[in-house]
């Protein structure tokens, strides 16, 4: 499990590695509060992203958390909560 916080840059890298980016979306802009759907990522892309995060950071992201995290900010926050919980255990 990583002791480093999960950042928006980590999420962007994992999104690009797993699902790429839509032609009309620039991930280098402020995307924190944009809906994943508006960024061109469907549920399948988010499942792939979740799997990559789980493998990389040694955490488990439930389907409920993934469904509730509709923006990059929410997903980054959820991952960091898991990392903090693991560090406290």
N, C-alpha and C. Protein backbone atom coordinates (compact mmCIF):
# COMPACT_ATOMS: atom_id res chain seq x y z
N UNK A 1 0.85 -1.17 0.00
CA UNK A 1 0.00 0.00 0.00
C UNK A 1 0.89 1.24 0.00
N UNK A 2 0.52 2.21 -0.79
CA UNK A 2 1.32 3.42 -0.91
C UNK A 2 1.13 4.32 0.30
N UNK A 3 2.21 4.96 0.72
CA UNK A 3 2.11 5.94 1.80
C UNK A 3 1.97 7.35 1.24
N UNK A 4 2.05 7.46 -0.07
CA UNK A 4 1.92 8.76 -0.72
C UNK A 4 0.44 9.02 -1.03
N UNK A 5 0.00 10.27 -0.93
CA UNK A 5 -1.39 10.56 -1.29
C UNK A 5 -1.62 10.36 -2.79
N UNK A 6 -2.82 9.98 -3.11
CA UNK A 6 -3.24 9.82 -4.50
C UNK A 6 -3.64 11.19 -5.01
N UNK A 7 -3.08 11.60 -6.13
CA UNK A 7 -3.32 12.96 -6.64
C UNK A 7 -4.10 12.93 -7.95
N UNK A 8 -4.54 14.10 -8.36
CA UNK A 8 -5.22 14.22 -9.65
C UNK A 8 -4.29 13.81 -10.78
N UNK A 9 -3.01 14.08 -10.65
CA UNK A 9 -2.06 13.66 -11.68
C UNK A 9 -1.96 12.14 -11.74
N UNK A 10 -2.03 11.47 -10.59
CA UNK A 10 -2.05 10.00 -10.58
C UNK A 10 -3.29 9.49 -11.31
N UNK A 11 -4.42 10.12 -11.03
CA UNK A 11 -5.67 9.70 -11.68
C UNK A 11 -5.60 9.93 -13.18
N UNK A 12 -5.11 11.08 -13.60
CA UNK A 12 -5.00 11.36 -15.04
C UNK A 12 -4.13 10.32 -15.72
N UNK A 13 -2.99 9.98 -15.10
CA UNK A 13 -2.09 8.99 -15.68
C UNK A 13 -2.79 7.64 -15.83
N UNK A 14 -3.52 7.23 -14.80
CA UNK A 14 -4.20 5.93 -14.83
C UNK A 14 -5.34 5.96 -15.85
N UNK A 15 -6.06 7.06 -15.92
CA UNK A 15 -7.13 7.17 -16.93
C UNK A 15 -6.55 7.04 -18.34
N UNK A 16 -5.46 7.73 -18.59
CA UNK A 16 -4.85 7.70 -19.93
C UNK A 16 -4.31 6.31 -20.25
N UNK A 17 -3.68 5.67 -19.28
CA UNK A 17 -3.13 4.33 -19.50
C UNK A 17 -4.23 3.31 -19.76
N UNK A 18 -5.34 3.43 -19.05
CA UNK A 18 -6.38 2.43 -19.13
C UNK A 18 -7.43 2.67 -20.19
N UNK A 19 -7.77 3.93 -20.41
CA UNK A 19 -8.89 4.21 -21.30
C UNK A 19 -8.58 5.29 -22.33
N UNK A 20 -7.43 5.91 -22.23
CA UNK A 20 -7.12 6.98 -23.18
C UNK A 20 -7.92 8.22 -22.86
N UNK A 21 -8.04 9.10 -23.84
CA UNK A 21 -8.80 10.33 -23.65
C UNK A 21 -9.61 10.61 -24.90
N UNK A 22 -10.78 11.16 -24.71
CA UNK A 22 -11.61 11.55 -25.83
C UNK A 22 -10.92 12.69 -26.58
N UNK A 23 -11.14 12.75 -27.87
CA UNK A 23 -10.47 13.77 -28.69
C UNK A 23 -10.82 15.18 -28.27
N UNK A 24 -12.02 15.38 -27.79
CA UNK A 24 -12.47 16.73 -27.45
C UNK A 24 -12.25 17.10 -25.98
N UNK A 25 -11.49 16.29 -25.26
CA UNK A 25 -11.26 16.53 -23.84
C UNK A 25 -9.77 16.74 -23.60
N UNK A 26 -9.45 17.83 -22.91
CA UNK A 26 -8.07 18.11 -22.54
C UNK A 26 -7.93 17.85 -21.04
N UNK A 27 -7.27 16.76 -20.70
CA UNK A 27 -7.11 16.41 -19.28
C UNK A 27 -6.15 17.34 -18.55
N UNK A 28 -5.44 18.18 -19.29
CA UNK A 28 -4.52 19.11 -18.65
C UNK A 28 -5.23 20.35 -18.10
N UNK A 29 -6.50 20.51 -18.42
CA UNK A 29 -7.26 21.61 -17.86
C UNK A 29 -7.79 21.20 -16.49
N UNK A 30 -8.50 22.10 -15.83
CA UNK A 30 -9.06 21.81 -14.52
C UNK A 30 -10.28 20.89 -14.69
N UNK A 31 -10.09 19.62 -14.37
CA UNK A 31 -11.17 18.64 -14.55
C UNK A 31 -11.71 18.12 -13.23
N UNK A 32 -11.22 18.63 -12.12
CA UNK A 32 -11.57 18.07 -10.81
C UNK A 32 -13.06 17.90 -10.58
N UNK A 33 -13.84 18.88 -11.00
CA UNK A 33 -15.28 18.82 -10.69
C UNK A 33 -16.14 18.52 -11.91
N UNK A 34 -15.53 18.06 -12.97
CA UNK A 34 -16.31 17.66 -14.15
C UNK A 34 -16.74 16.21 -13.99
N UNK A 35 -17.93 15.90 -14.43
CA UNK A 35 -18.43 14.53 -14.37
C UNK A 35 -17.58 13.65 -15.31
N UNK A 36 -17.30 12.44 -14.86
CA UNK A 36 -16.54 11.52 -15.71
C UNK A 36 -17.22 11.34 -17.06
N UNK A 37 -18.53 11.28 -17.05
CA UNK A 37 -19.27 11.11 -18.30
C UNK A 37 -19.00 12.27 -19.26
N UNK A 38 -18.91 13.49 -18.73
CA UNK A 38 -18.61 14.66 -19.57
C UNK A 38 -17.18 14.63 -20.09
N UNK A 39 -16.32 13.90 -19.39
CA UNK A 39 -14.93 13.76 -19.82
C UNK A 39 -14.75 12.61 -20.81
N UNK A 40 -15.84 11.90 -21.08
CA UNK A 40 -15.79 10.81 -22.05
C UNK A 40 -15.52 9.45 -21.46
N UNK A 41 -15.63 9.32 -20.14
CA UNK A 41 -15.37 8.03 -19.49
C UNK A 41 -16.68 7.39 -19.05
N UNK A 42 -16.96 6.22 -19.61
CA UNK A 42 -18.17 5.49 -19.25
C UNK A 42 -17.87 4.54 -18.09
N UNK A 43 -18.87 3.77 -17.71
CA UNK A 43 -18.72 2.89 -16.55
C UNK A 43 -17.64 1.84 -16.77
N UNK A 44 -17.49 1.36 -17.98
CA UNK A 44 -16.45 0.37 -18.27
C UNK A 44 -15.06 0.98 -18.09
N UNK A 45 -14.88 2.20 -18.55
CA UNK A 45 -13.60 2.88 -18.38
C UNK A 45 -13.31 3.11 -16.90
N UNK A 46 -14.33 3.42 -16.13
CA UNK A 46 -14.12 3.64 -14.69
C UNK A 46 -13.83 2.34 -13.96
N UNK A 47 -14.42 1.25 -14.41
CA UNK A 47 -14.07 -0.05 -13.81
C UNK A 47 -12.61 -0.39 -14.07
N UNK A 48 -12.16 -0.14 -15.29
CA UNK A 48 -10.75 -0.37 -15.61
C UNK A 48 -9.86 0.53 -14.75
N UNK A 49 -10.25 1.78 -14.62
CA UNK A 49 -9.49 2.72 -13.80
C UNK A 49 -9.44 2.24 -12.35
N UNK A 50 -10.58 1.82 -11.84
CA UNK A 50 -10.65 1.33 -10.47
C UNK A 50 -9.74 0.12 -10.27
N UNK A 51 -9.75 -0.79 -11.22
CA UNK A 51 -8.89 -1.99 -11.12
C UNK A 51 -7.42 -1.59 -11.10
N UNK A 52 -7.06 -0.64 -11.93
CA UNK A 52 -5.65 -0.20 -11.97
C UNK A 52 -5.26 0.48 -10.65
N UNK A 53 -6.17 1.27 -10.10
CA UNK A 53 -5.88 1.92 -8.82
C UNK A 53 -5.72 0.86 -7.73
N UNK A 54 -6.61 -0.13 -7.73
CA UNK A 54 -6.54 -1.18 -6.72
C UNK A 54 -5.21 -1.93 -6.79
N UNK A 55 -4.79 -2.29 -8.01
CA UNK A 55 -3.53 -3.03 -8.16
C UNK A 55 -2.33 -2.17 -7.76
N UNK A 56 -2.37 -0.91 -8.14
CA UNK A 56 -1.22 -0.04 -7.88
C UNK A 56 -1.10 0.34 -6.41
N UNK A 57 -2.24 0.58 -5.77
CA UNK A 57 -2.20 1.12 -4.40
C UNK A 57 -2.59 0.10 -3.33
N UNK A 58 -2.95 -1.11 -3.75
CA UNK A 58 -3.24 -2.16 -2.78
C UNK A 58 -4.49 -1.90 -1.95
N UNK A 59 -5.48 -1.30 -2.57
CA UNK A 59 -6.75 -1.04 -1.88
C UNK A 59 -7.88 -1.67 -2.67
N UNK A 60 -9.06 -1.71 -2.06
CA UNK A 60 -10.25 -2.20 -2.73
C UNK A 60 -11.26 -1.05 -2.81
N UNK A 61 -11.74 -0.79 -4.00
CA UNK A 61 -12.75 0.25 -4.20
C UNK A 61 -14.06 -0.45 -4.49
N UNK A 62 -15.04 -0.28 -3.62
CA UNK A 62 -16.32 -0.96 -3.81
C UNK A 62 -17.08 -0.35 -4.98
N UNK A 63 -18.03 -1.13 -5.50
CA UNK A 63 -18.86 -0.63 -6.59
C UNK A 63 -19.65 0.61 -6.16
N UNK A 64 -20.06 0.65 -4.90
CA UNK A 64 -20.83 1.79 -4.39
C UNK A 64 -19.98 3.05 -4.40
N UNK A 65 -18.75 2.92 -3.93
CA UNK A 65 -17.87 4.09 -3.92
C UNK A 65 -17.60 4.55 -5.35
N UNK A 66 -17.38 3.61 -6.24
CA UNK A 66 -17.11 3.97 -7.62
C UNK A 66 -18.33 4.65 -8.25
N UNK A 67 -19.51 4.17 -7.94
CA UNK A 67 -20.73 4.78 -8.48
C UNK A 67 -20.97 6.17 -7.91
N UNK A 68 -20.62 6.36 -6.65
CA UNK A 68 -20.83 7.66 -6.00
C UNK A 68 -19.77 8.69 -6.40
N UNK A 69 -18.62 8.24 -6.81
CA UNK A 69 -17.54 9.16 -7.18
C UNK A 69 -17.69 9.51 -8.67
N UNK A 70 -18.50 10.49 -8.93
CA UNK A 70 -18.81 10.84 -10.32
C UNK A 70 -17.87 11.88 -10.90
N UNK A 71 -16.98 12.42 -10.08
CA UNK A 71 -16.01 13.41 -10.56
C UNK A 71 -14.61 12.98 -10.14
N UNK A 72 -13.60 13.48 -10.81
CA UNK A 72 -12.23 13.17 -10.38
C UNK A 72 -11.96 13.56 -8.94
N UNK A 73 -12.47 14.71 -8.49
CA UNK A 73 -12.25 15.13 -7.10
C UNK A 73 -12.81 14.08 -6.13
N UNK A 74 -14.00 13.59 -6.41
CA UNK A 74 -14.62 12.60 -5.53
C UNK A 74 -13.83 11.29 -5.52
N UNK A 75 -13.35 10.86 -6.68
CA UNK A 75 -12.60 9.61 -6.73
C UNK A 75 -11.25 9.76 -6.04
N UNK A 76 -10.57 10.87 -6.26
CA UNK A 76 -9.29 11.10 -5.58
C UNK A 76 -9.51 11.10 -4.07
N UNK A 77 -10.57 11.75 -3.61
CA UNK A 77 -10.87 11.78 -2.18
C UNK A 77 -11.16 10.39 -1.63
N UNK A 78 -11.93 9.60 -2.37
CA UNK A 78 -12.25 8.24 -1.92
C UNK A 78 -11.00 7.38 -1.83
N UNK A 79 -10.14 7.48 -2.82
CA UNK A 79 -8.90 6.70 -2.79
C UNK A 79 -8.04 7.13 -1.60
N UNK A 80 -7.93 8.41 -1.37
CA UNK A 80 -7.12 8.88 -0.24
C UNK A 80 -7.70 8.46 1.10
N UNK A 81 -9.03 8.39 1.21
CA UNK A 81 -9.64 7.87 2.44
C UNK A 81 -9.24 6.42 2.66
N UNK A 82 -9.26 5.62 1.61
CA UNK A 82 -8.84 4.22 1.72
C UNK A 82 -7.37 4.12 2.12
N UNK A 83 -6.54 4.94 1.50
CA UNK A 83 -5.12 4.91 1.83
C UNK A 83 -4.90 5.30 3.29
N UNK A 84 -5.63 6.30 3.76
CA UNK A 84 -5.50 6.73 5.16
C UNK A 84 -5.99 5.65 6.10
N UNK A 85 -7.10 5.00 5.75
CA UNK A 85 -7.62 3.91 6.58
C UNK A 85 -6.61 2.77 6.67
N UNK A 86 -5.96 2.46 5.56
CA UNK A 86 -4.95 1.40 5.55
C UNK A 86 -3.73 1.77 6.37
N UNK A 87 -3.37 3.05 6.31
CA UNK A 87 -2.20 3.51 7.07
C UNK A 87 -2.48 3.49 8.57
N UNK A 88 -3.74 3.73 8.95
CA UNK A 88 -4.12 3.76 10.36
C UNK A 88 -4.28 2.36 10.93
N UNK A 89 -4.52 1.37 10.05
CA UNK A 89 -4.76 0.01 10.52
C UNK A 89 -3.50 -0.66 11.03
